[in-house]
Protein backbone atom coordinates (compact mmCIF):
# COMPACT_ATOMS: atom_id res chain seq x y z
CA MET A 1 -15.75 -20.27 -3.82
CA LYS A 2 -19.58 -21.91 -4.34
CA PRO A 3 -20.14 -21.84 -8.35
CA GLY A 4 -22.65 -19.13 -7.00
CA LEU A 5 -19.87 -17.06 -5.65
CA ASN A 6 -17.14 -17.31 -8.99
CA GLU A 7 -20.27 -15.10 -10.82
CA VAL A 8 -20.99 -12.92 -8.91
CA TRP A 9 -17.41 -12.34 -8.37
CA GLU A 10 -16.98 -12.41 -12.25
CA LEU A 11 -19.26 -9.86 -12.64
CA ILE A 12 -17.55 -7.84 -10.08
CA THR A 13 -14.14 -8.16 -11.75
CA ASN A 14 -16.20 -6.77 -15.28
CA LEU A 15 -17.63 -3.82 -13.68
CA PRO A 16 -16.23 0.12 -14.21
CA TYR A 17 -14.10 1.30 -11.49
CA GLU A 18 -16.77 3.31 -9.88
CA GLU A 19 -18.93 1.04 -9.84
CA LYS A 20 -16.46 -1.65 -8.22
CA LYS A 21 -16.30 1.63 -6.16
CA ILE A 22 -19.56 1.38 -4.70
CA ILE A 23 -20.13 -2.38 -3.95
CA TYR A 24 -16.74 -1.69 -1.88
CA LYS A 25 -17.64 0.63 0.15
CA ARG A 26 -21.04 -0.72 0.42
CA MET A 27 -18.87 -4.09 1.17
CA GLN A 28 -16.69 -2.52 3.45
CA ASP A 29 -20.09 -0.78 5.40
CA GLU A 30 -20.95 -4.30 6.92
CA VAL A 31 -17.37 -4.76 8.04
CA ASN A 32 -17.99 -1.59 9.97
CA SER A 33 -20.88 -1.88 11.51
CA LYS A 34 -20.21 -6.15 12.41
CA LEU A 35 -17.25 -5.45 14.19
CA ASN A 36 -18.87 -2.95 15.86
CA ASP A 37 -21.53 -5.07 16.57
CA LEU A 38 -19.14 -7.64 17.68
CA LEU A 39 -17.09 -4.65 20.28
CA ASP A 40 -20.20 -3.74 21.60
CA LYS A 41 -21.19 -7.14 22.90
CA VAL A 42 -17.58 -7.78 24.46
CA ASN A 43 -17.88 -4.65 26.26
CA GLU A 44 -20.53 -5.89 27.59
CA ARG A 45 -19.24 -8.90 28.44
CA THR A 46 -16.58 -6.99 30.27
CA GLU A 47 -18.52 -5.23 31.69
CA GLN A 48 -20.28 -7.72 33.57
CA GLU A 49 -18.41 -9.96 34.24
CA PRO A 50 -14.72 -8.64 34.25
CA VAL A 51 -11.90 -10.37 33.74
CA GLU A 52 -8.56 -10.39 35.92
CA PHE A 53 -5.66 -8.93 34.21
CA ASP A 54 -3.46 -11.95 35.53
CA ILE A 55 -5.72 -14.73 33.39
CA ILE A 56 -5.81 -12.46 30.12
CA THR A 57 -2.21 -11.88 30.70
CA LYS A 58 -1.62 -16.74 31.43
CA GLU A 59 -3.77 -16.91 28.25
CA VAL A 60 -1.99 -14.73 25.85
CA GLU A 61 1.93 -17.03 26.76
CA ILE A 62 0.09 -20.27 26.03
CA VAL A 63 -0.45 -18.78 22.78
CA ARG A 64 2.37 -18.04 22.22
CA GLU A 65 3.32 -21.03 23.45
CA LYS A 66 1.17 -22.90 21.10
CA HIS A 67 2.87 -20.44 18.26
CA HIS A 68 6.65 -19.81 18.39
CA GLY A 69 6.86 -22.70 20.35
C-alpha cells in the first residue's frame, strides 16, 4: 500500500466500531454504484451490438482451457 494509504488504514483501524461501520457502508455504496454503472454500460452495449450465444460459448471454452488446461 502507498504510505498515505497506510496512514488512512491505521486511522480506520483505530476507530470505534460504529464509526468503522459508517466508513465501510459508504465504501460499499460507492462500489455498488460503480458496479451498477458498469452493468448499465454492458447492457447498453449488448442492446446495440448483440452477441451470438455460440461466440460466448467459444470464449468461455477458451478461458476454461487456459485455466484448467
